[in-house]
Amino acid sequence: MNSNELPQRCPQGIEIKKGSKHDYKESLGDDSNPDDYTYYNIYFEGKKVGNASYRYNNSYACWQIDRFLIYEDEEGNGYGSCLLKYISQEMWSIKRSHIKISPTKKEEFISWLIRRGFKETQVPGFPTTFYVLQPG
């Protein structure tokens, strides 16, 4: 699959567009530099249904998804799977390294990640569990 190509099995009417730091500035932590992130928005038939941001974390030599959100009233339509596959291929087209997503308390999201190949991982020095996807 080429970069900028939608993954197979995405719902018809999906469009994924690169976003900007202005879309997400309020959602990043105080210690985050918005210029370090790559941002994407996902649309269905022109309506924004979610977004994601990621960066390469040099400290841990991995990709890190810092924000991944499909709006609650849009969940269950395949948009999240499509967005996750798309940003994964974008990351791996630059560097084939594992992808880490920060912990969440939403149990259904954790099981959703695991069904898509992420593994629960304890990172030394961190009290929380992360979810990691290895390049295929």
N, C-alpha and C. Protein backbone atom coordinates (compact mmCIF):
# COMPACT_ATOMS: atom_id res chain seq x y z
N MET A 1 0.85 -1.17 0.00
CA MET A 1 0.00 0.00 0.00
C MET A 1 0.89 1.23 0.00
N ASN A 2 0.59 2.19 -0.85
CA ASN A 2 1.36 3.42 -0.93
C ASN A 2 0.90 4.41 0.14
N SER A 3 1.83 5.28 0.55
CA SER A 3 1.49 6.35 1.47
C SER A 3 0.40 7.21 0.82
N ASN A 4 -0.48 7.78 1.59
CA ASN A 4 -1.59 8.63 1.14
C ASN A 4 -2.71 7.85 0.46
N GLU A 5 -2.67 6.53 0.50
CA GLU A 5 -3.73 5.70 -0.06
C GLU A 5 -4.54 5.15 1.10
N LEU A 6 -5.86 5.19 0.98
CA LEU A 6 -6.70 4.66 2.04
C LEU A 6 -6.54 3.15 2.13
N PRO A 7 -6.52 2.60 3.35
CA PRO A 7 -6.46 1.14 3.50
C PRO A 7 -7.69 0.48 2.88
N GLN A 8 -7.52 -0.78 2.47
CA GLN A 8 -8.66 -1.53 1.96
C GLN A 8 -9.68 -1.69 3.08
N ARG A 9 -10.91 -1.91 2.71
CA ARG A 9 -12.02 -2.13 3.65
C ARG A 9 -12.39 -0.88 4.44
N CYS A 10 -11.98 0.31 3.98
CA CYS A 10 -12.49 1.53 4.60
C CYS A 10 -13.88 1.78 4.05
N PRO A 11 -14.78 2.28 4.89
CA PRO A 11 -16.12 2.58 4.39
C PRO A 11 -16.08 3.57 3.22
N GLN A 12 -16.99 3.40 2.26
CA GLN A 12 -17.11 4.36 1.15
C GLN A 12 -17.44 5.73 1.74
N GLY A 13 -16.91 6.77 1.17
CA GLY A 13 -17.18 8.13 1.63
C GLY A 13 -16.17 8.66 2.63
N ILE A 14 -15.13 7.86 2.94
CA ILE A 14 -14.10 8.26 3.90
C ILE A 14 -13.06 9.11 3.21
N GLU A 15 -12.62 10.14 3.91
CA GLU A 15 -11.50 10.96 3.46
C GLU A 15 -10.64 11.27 4.69
N ILE A 16 -9.34 11.13 4.54
CA ILE A 16 -8.42 11.44 5.63
C ILE A 16 -7.53 12.57 5.14
N LYS A 17 -7.49 13.65 5.92
CA LYS A 17 -6.71 14.84 5.54
C LYS A 17 -5.75 15.21 6.65
N LYS A 18 -4.60 15.70 6.24
CA LYS A 18 -3.63 16.18 7.22
C LYS A 18 -4.21 17.40 7.92
N GLY A 19 -4.07 17.44 9.23
CA GLY A 19 -4.54 18.56 10.01
C GLY A 19 -3.39 19.50 10.33
N SER A 20 -3.62 20.40 11.27
CA SER A 20 -2.56 21.31 11.68
C SER A 20 -2.56 21.42 13.20
N LYS A 21 -1.48 21.97 13.71
CA LYS A 21 -1.36 22.11 15.16
C LYS A 21 -2.47 22.97 15.74
N HIS A 22 -3.06 23.84 14.93
CA HIS A 22 -4.14 24.70 15.43
C HIS A 22 -5.40 23.90 15.74
N ASP A 23 -5.55 22.73 15.10
CA ASP A 23 -6.71 21.87 15.37
C ASP A 23 -6.63 21.22 16.75
N TYR A 24 -5.42 21.08 17.29
CA TYR A 24 -5.23 20.24 18.47
C TYR A 24 -4.56 20.93 19.64
N LYS A 25 -4.17 22.17 19.48
CA LYS A 25 -3.37 22.84 20.50
C LYS A 25 -3.96 22.69 21.89
N GLU A 26 -5.28 22.82 22.01
CA GLU A 26 -5.92 22.75 23.33
C GLU A 26 -5.88 21.34 23.92
N SER A 27 -5.65 20.32 23.10
CA SER A 27 -5.71 18.95 23.62
C SER A 27 -4.34 18.38 24.00
N LEU A 28 -3.28 19.11 23.69
CA LEU A 28 -1.94 18.64 24.01
C LEU A 28 -1.56 19.11 25.41
N GLY A 29 -0.73 18.35 26.08
CA GLY A 29 -0.30 18.73 27.42
C GLY A 29 0.54 19.99 27.42
N ASP A 30 0.69 20.61 28.58
CA ASP A 30 1.44 21.85 28.69
C ASP A 30 2.90 21.70 28.27
N ASP A 31 3.48 20.51 28.45
CA ASP A 31 4.89 20.31 28.13
C ASP A 31 5.09 19.84 26.70
N SER A 32 4.03 19.79 25.90
CA SER A 32 4.13 19.30 24.53
C SER A 32 4.41 20.44 23.57
N ASN A 33 5.23 20.17 22.57
CA ASN A 33 5.49 21.14 21.51
C ASN A 33 4.63 20.74 20.32
N PRO A 34 3.63 21.54 19.96
CA PRO A 34 2.73 21.16 18.86
C PRO A 34 3.45 20.92 17.54
N ASP A 35 4.63 21.51 17.36
CA ASP A 35 5.38 21.33 16.11
C ASP A 35 5.97 19.94 15.99
N ASP A 36 6.03 19.17 17.08
CA ASP A 36 6.59 17.82 17.04
C ASP A 36 5.59 16.79 16.50
N TYR A 37 4.34 17.17 16.36
CA TYR A 37 3.28 16.23 16.03
C TYR A 37 2.90 16.27 14.56
N THR A 38 2.35 15.17 14.08
CA THR A 38 1.68 15.11 12.79
C THR A 38 0.21 14.88 13.12
N TYR A 39 -0.65 15.60 12.44
CA TYR A 39 -2.08 15.59 12.74
C TYR A 39 -2.89 15.12 11.54
N TYR A 40 -3.92 14.32 11.80
CA TYR A 40 -4.84 13.89 10.74
C TYR A 40 -6.27 13.98 11.24
N ASN A 41 -7.16 14.36 10.33
CA ASN A 41 -8.60 14.37 10.58
C ASN A 41 -9.23 13.35 9.65
N ILE A 42 -10.28 12.69 10.11
CA ILE A 42 -11.02 11.74 9.27
C ILE A 42 -12.43 12.28 9.08
N TYR A 43 -12.90 12.20 7.83
CA TYR A 43 -14.22 12.71 7.45
C TYR A 43 -15.01 11.59 6.80
N PHE A 44 -16.32 11.61 7.03
CA PHE A 44 -17.23 10.71 6.32
C PHE A 44 -18.25 11.59 5.61
N GLU A 45 -18.25 11.50 4.30
CA GLU A 45 -19.14 12.31 3.46
C GLU A 45 -19.06 13.79 3.85
N GLY A 46 -17.84 14.28 4.07
CA GLY A 46 -17.59 15.69 4.35
C GLY A 46 -17.71 16.09 5.81
N LYS A 47 -18.22 15.22 6.67
CA LYS A 47 -18.39 15.54 8.09
C LYS A 47 -17.20 14.97 8.88
N LYS A 48 -16.59 15.80 9.69
CA LYS A 48 -15.46 15.35 10.52
C LYS A 48 -15.98 14.36 11.57
N VAL A 49 -15.35 13.17 11.63
CA VAL A 49 -15.80 12.14 12.56
C VAL A 49 -14.72 11.74 13.56
N GLY A 50 -13.52 12.31 13.44
CA GLY A 50 -12.46 11.98 14.39
C GLY A 50 -11.13 12.58 13.98
N ASN A 51 -10.12 12.29 14.82
CA ASN A 51 -8.79 12.82 14.55
C ASN A 51 -7.74 12.04 15.32
N ALA A 52 -6.50 12.25 14.94
CA ALA A 52 -5.37 11.61 15.61
C ALA A 52 -4.15 12.50 15.49
N SER A 53 -3.25 12.36 16.44
CA SER A 53 -1.95 13.03 16.36
C SER A 53 -0.89 12.04 16.83
N TYR A 54 0.27 12.12 16.20
CA TYR A 54 1.36 11.24 16.56
C TYR A 54 2.69 11.95 16.36
N ARG A 55 3.75 11.35 16.91
CA ARG A 55 5.10 11.90 16.77
C ARG A 55 6.09 10.76 16.93
N TYR A 56 7.31 11.01 16.51
CA TYR A 56 8.36 10.05 16.78
C TYR A 56 9.01 10.46 18.09
N ASN A 57 9.06 9.54 19.04
CA ASN A 57 9.62 9.80 20.36
C ASN A 57 11.06 9.28 20.37
N ASN A 58 12.01 10.19 20.23
CA ASN A 58 13.42 9.80 20.19
C ASN A 58 13.89 9.18 21.50
N SER A 59 13.32 9.58 22.61
CA SER A 59 13.74 9.05 23.91
C SER A 59 13.49 7.55 24.02
N TYR A 60 12.42 7.07 23.39
CA TYR A 60 12.07 5.65 23.45
C TYR A 60 12.23 4.95 22.11
N ALA A 61 12.72 5.68 21.10
CA ALA A 61 12.93 5.13 19.76
C ALA A 61 11.68 4.42 19.24
N CYS A 62 10.55 5.14 19.29
CA CYS A 62 9.30 4.57 18.81
C CYS A 62 8.36 5.67 18.35
N TRP A 63 7.36 5.28 17.59
CA TRP A 63 6.26 6.17 17.26
C TRP A 63 5.31 6.22 18.45
N GLN A 64 4.73 7.36 18.67
CA GLN A 64 3.80 7.49 19.79
C GLN A 64 2.54 8.20 19.31
N ILE A 65 1.40 7.52 19.47
CA ILE A 65 0.10 8.13 19.19
C ILE A 65 -0.34 8.81 20.47
N ASP A 66 -0.44 10.12 20.42
CA ASP A 66 -0.80 10.86 21.63
C ASP A 66 -2.29 11.17 21.71
N ARG A 67 -2.93 11.24 20.55
CA ARG A 67 -4.37 11.49 20.54
C ARG A 67 -4.97 10.61 19.45
N PHE A 68 -6.03 9.91 19.79
CA PHE A 68 -6.75 9.09 18.82
C PHE A 68 -8.21 9.15 19.24
N LEU A 69 -9.03 9.77 18.43
CA LEU A 69 -10.41 10.00 18.84
C LEU A 69 -11.36 9.84 17.67
N ILE A 70 -12.33 8.98 17.83
CA ILE A 70 -13.49 8.93 16.94
C ILE A 70 -14.65 9.42 17.80
N TYR A 71 -15.36 10.41 17.30
CA TYR A 71 -16.44 10.99 18.10
C TYR A 71 -17.44 9.92 18.51
N GLU A 72 -17.89 10.01 19.74
CA GLU A 72 -18.71 8.96 20.35
C GLU A 72 -19.91 8.56 19.49
N ASP A 73 -20.58 9.54 18.90
CA ASP A 73 -21.76 9.20 18.09
C ASP A 73 -21.39 8.61 16.72
N GLU A 74 -20.09 8.51 16.43
CA GLU A 74 -19.62 7.93 15.17
C GLU A 74 -18.92 6.59 15.35
N GLU A 75 -18.80 6.12 16.59
CA GLU A 75 -18.11 4.86 16.87
C GLU A 75 -18.87 3.68 16.26
N GLY A 76 -18.12 2.63 15.91
CA GLY A 76 -18.73 1.40 15.42
C GLY A 76 -18.98 1.37 13.92
N ASN A 77 -18.48 2.38 13.21
CA ASN A 77 -18.70 2.44 11.76
C ASN A 77 -17.45 2.10 10.96
N GLY A 78 -16.36 1.72 11.62
CA GLY A 78 -15.13 1.38 10.92
C GLY A 78 -14.18 2.54 10.72
N TYR A 79 -14.55 3.72 11.19
CA TYR A 79 -13.71 4.90 10.99
C TYR A 79 -12.39 4.79 11.77
N GLY A 80 -12.46 4.27 12.98
CA GLY A 80 -11.26 4.14 13.81
C GLY A 80 -10.26 3.17 13.20
N SER A 81 -10.74 2.03 12.72
CA SER A 81 -9.85 1.06 12.09
C SER A 81 -9.17 1.67 10.86
N CYS A 82 -9.95 2.38 10.07
CA CYS A 82 -9.42 3.02 8.87
C CYS A 82 -8.36 4.06 9.24
N LEU A 83 -8.64 4.91 10.21
CA LEU A 83 -7.69 5.95 10.63
C LEU A 83 -6.43 5.33 11.22
N LEU A 84 -6.58 4.30 12.04
CA LEU A 84 -5.42 3.65 12.66
C LEU A 84 -4.52 3.03 11.60
N LYS A 85 -5.12 2.32 10.63
CA LYS A 85 -4.33 1.73 9.55
C LYS A 85 -3.63 2.81 8.74
N TYR A 86 -4.33 3.88 8.46
CA TYR A 86 -3.76 4.96 7.65
C TYR A 86 -2.56 5.61 8.34
N ILE A 87 -2.72 6.00 9.61
CA ILE A 87 -1.59 6.66 10.28
C ILE A 87 -0.44 5.68 10.52
N SER A 88 -0.75 4.39 10.72
CA SER A 88 0.31 3.39 10.87
C SER A 88 1.15 3.31 9.60
N GLN A 89 0.48 3.26 8.44
CA GLN A 89 1.23 3.19 7.18
C GLN A 89 2.02 4.48 6.96
N GLU A 90 1.48 5.61 7.38
CA GLU A 90 2.22 6.87 7.26
C GLU A 90 3.48 6.85 8.12
N MET A 91 3.35 6.40 9.36
CA MET A 91 4.51 6.33 10.26
C MET A 91 5.55 5.37 9.68
N TRP A 92 5.11 4.17 9.31
CA TRP A 92 6.04 3.14 8.84
C TRP A 92 6.63 3.47 7.48
N SER A 93 6.01 4.38 6.72
CA SER A 93 6.63 4.79 5.45
C SER A 93 7.83 5.69 5.72
N ILE A 94 7.91 6.26 6.91
CA ILE A 94 9.04 7.11 7.30
C ILE A 94 10.08 6.29 8.04
N LYS A 95 9.64 5.50 9.02
CA LYS A 95 10.56 4.68 9.82
C LYS A 95 9.80 3.49 10.38
N ARG A 96 10.35 2.30 10.18
CA ARG A 96 9.72 1.07 10.67
C ARG A 96 10.15 0.84 12.11
N SER A 97 9.36 1.36 13.00
CA SER A 97 9.60 1.21 14.43
C SER A 97 8.26 0.91 15.09
N HIS A 98 8.30 0.39 16.32
CA HIS A 98 7.02 0.06 16.95
C HIS A 98 6.23 1.33 17.26
N ILE A 99 4.92 1.13 17.39
CA ILE A 99 4.00 2.23 17.68
C ILE A 99 3.46 2.03 19.08
N LYS A 100 3.51 3.08 19.87
CA LYS A 100 3.03 3.04 21.25
C LYS A 100 1.86 4.01 21.38
N ILE A 101 0.82 3.56 22.06
CA ILE A 101 -0.29 4.46 22.36
C ILE A 101 -0.39 4.55 23.87
N SER A 102 -0.61 5.75 24.35
CA SER A 102 -0.64 5.99 25.79
C SER A 102 -1.83 5.31 26.44
N PRO A 103 -1.74 5.08 27.73
CA PRO A 103 -2.81 4.38 28.45
C PRO A 103 -4.14 5.12 28.37
N THR A 104 -5.17 4.36 28.50
CA THR A 104 -6.52 4.90 28.53
C THR A 104 -7.31 4.14 29.59
N LYS A 105 -8.34 4.74 30.08
CA LYS A 105 -9.19 4.05 31.07
C LYS A 105 -10.43 3.46 30.41
N LYS A 106 -10.58 3.67 29.12
CA LYS A 106 -11.77 3.20 28.41
C LYS A 106 -11.55 1.75 27.99
N GLU A 107 -12.10 0.82 28.75
CA GLU A 107 -11.86 -0.62 28.53
C GLU A 107 -12.19 -1.08 27.12
N GLU A 108 -13.29 -0.57 26.54
CA GLU A 108 -13.64 -1.01 25.20
C GLU A 108 -12.61 -0.56 24.16
N PHE A 109 -11.93 0.57 24.41
CA PHE A 109 -10.87 1.01 23.50
C PHE A 109 -9.65 0.10 23.63
N ILE A 110 -9.33 -0.31 24.84
CA ILE A 110 -8.20 -1.22 25.05
C ILE A 110 -8.45 -2.53 24.31
N SER A 111 -9.64 -3.11 24.44
CA SER A 111 -9.93 -4.37 23.74
C SER A 111 -9.94 -4.15 22.23
N TRP A 112 -10.37 -2.98 21.77
CA TRP A 112 -10.36 -2.64 20.35
C TRP A 112 -8.92 -2.63 19.84
N LEU A 113 -7.99 -2.02 20.60
CA LEU A 113 -6.58 -2.00 20.21
C LEU A 113 -6.00 -3.41 20.14
N ILE A 114 -6.30 -4.22 21.13
CA ILE A 114 -5.76 -5.58 21.19
C ILE A 114 -6.27 -6.40 20.00
N ARG A 115 -7.53 -6.24 19.62
CA ARG A 115 -8.06 -6.95 18.45
C ARG A 115 -7.36 -6.52 17.16
N ARG A 116 -6.72 -5.35 17.17
CA ARG A 116 -6.03 -4.84 15.99
C ARG A 116 -4.52 -5.05 16.06
N GLY A 117 -4.07 -5.89 17.00
CA GLY A 117 -2.67 -6.30 17.03
C GLY A 117 -1.79 -5.64 18.07
N PHE A 118 -2.32 -4.69 18.83
CA PHE A 118 -1.52 -4.07 19.88
C PHE A 118 -1.36 -5.05 21.04
N LYS A 119 -0.24 -4.98 21.72
CA LYS A 119 0.04 -5.84 22.88
C LYS A 119 0.22 -4.96 24.11
N GLU A 120 -0.31 -5.43 25.25
CA GLU A 120 -0.07 -4.73 26.51
C GLU A 120 1.40 -4.85 26.86
N THR A 121 2.01 -3.74 27.26
CA THR A 121 3.44 -3.73 27.54
C THR A 121 3.73 -2.86 28.76
N GLN A 122 4.50 -3.39 29.67
CA GLN A 122 5.01 -2.59 30.78
C GLN A 122 6.34 -1.99 30.35
N VAL A 123 6.47 -0.70 30.45
CA VAL A 123 7.71 -0.02 30.11
C VAL A 123 8.46 0.24 31.41
N PRO A 124 9.72 -0.21 31.50
CA PRO A 124 10.49 0.02 32.74
C PRO A 124 10.50 1.50 33.11
N GLY A 125 10.24 1.77 34.37
CA GLY A 125 10.23 3.14 34.85
C GLY A 125 8.88 3.82 34.78
N PHE A 126 7.89 3.16 34.17
CA PHE A 126 6.55 3.74 34.09
C PHE A 126 5.58 2.88 34.90
N PRO A 127 4.73 3.52 35.69
CA PRO A 127 3.80 2.75 36.52
C PRO A 127 2.59 2.24 35.74
N THR A 128 2.42 2.70 34.49
CA THR A 128 1.23 2.34 33.73
C THR A 128 1.58 1.40 32.58
N THR A 129 0.56 0.80 32.03
CA THR A 129 0.70 -0.10 30.89
C THR A 129 0.49 0.69 29.60
N PHE A 130 1.31 0.39 28.60
CA PHE A 130 1.17 0.98 27.28
C PHE A 130 0.72 -0.12 26.33
N TYR A 131 0.28 0.27 25.15
CA TYR A 131 -0.16 -0.67 24.13
C TYR A 131 0.73 -0.44 22.91
N VAL A 132 1.38 -1.52 22.44
CA VAL A 132 2.40 -1.42 21.42
C VAL A 132 2.05 -2.29 20.22
N LEU A 133 2.27 -1.74 19.01
CA LEU A 133 2.10 -2.47 17.77
C LEU A 133 3.45 -2.53 17.07
N GLN A 134 3.88 -3.73 16.75
CA GLN A 134 5.16 -3.92 16.04
C GLN A 134 4.91 -3.82 14.54
N PRO A 135 5.90 -3.32 13.78
CA PRO A 135 5.73 -3.28 12.33
C PRO A 135 5.58 -4.68 11.76
N GLY A 136 4.73 -4.82 10.77
CA GLY A 136 4.46 -6.12 10.16
C GLY A 136 5.47 -6.52 9.13
